[in-house]
Amino acid sequence: MRRGGWLPWATMLRIRSALVEQMVAHARADHPDEACGIIAGPAGGDRPERFIPMLNAARSPTFYEFDSMDLLRLYRDLDDRDEEPVVIYHSHTATEAYPSRTDVSYASEPGAHYVLISTRETGTEAGPYEFRSFRIVDGEVHEEPVEFLD
């Protein structure tokens, strides 16, 4: 999706630190399984605002999947609120925070920031983690800078 010269990889994720902390806490709480969810924002904007943790229906340490009924409810709720997924996030529990081939093949929101959090070093404990953001469009992965806001 390239509207008016918009290049998905020529962007930056600007996100409040409190939202980052919520994603990381979710990733740690679900470890050793992958955690997943979205952060919604106003439709047509690029402002992540509302944290929505989801259940990993696969309950797997190497794969995540949104439950189809949960996803249907989520999109109805987003429509009702005039929101869209600004960030789609999940964790990697044993590998770096980089999209796998499966992650790339399932990336279906060209306007979303795909955030990966790796808990491989500390698992459920406090400590270092990797946090990276990507744009994934037509199977192409482009890492983008992240600006953490107060």
Foldseek 3Di string as FASTA:
>chain_A
DQPPNDDLQPDEQEAAPVLVVVQVLQCLVLPLAKWWFFFKDAPPDLYGDRTDTADQPVSHSADGDGDPVVVVVVVVVCVVVNIDGQEIEMEHEADAFDDDQVNLVPPDDQNHKYWYKYCPPPRNDDDDIDIWTWGRDPSDTHTHHYHYDD
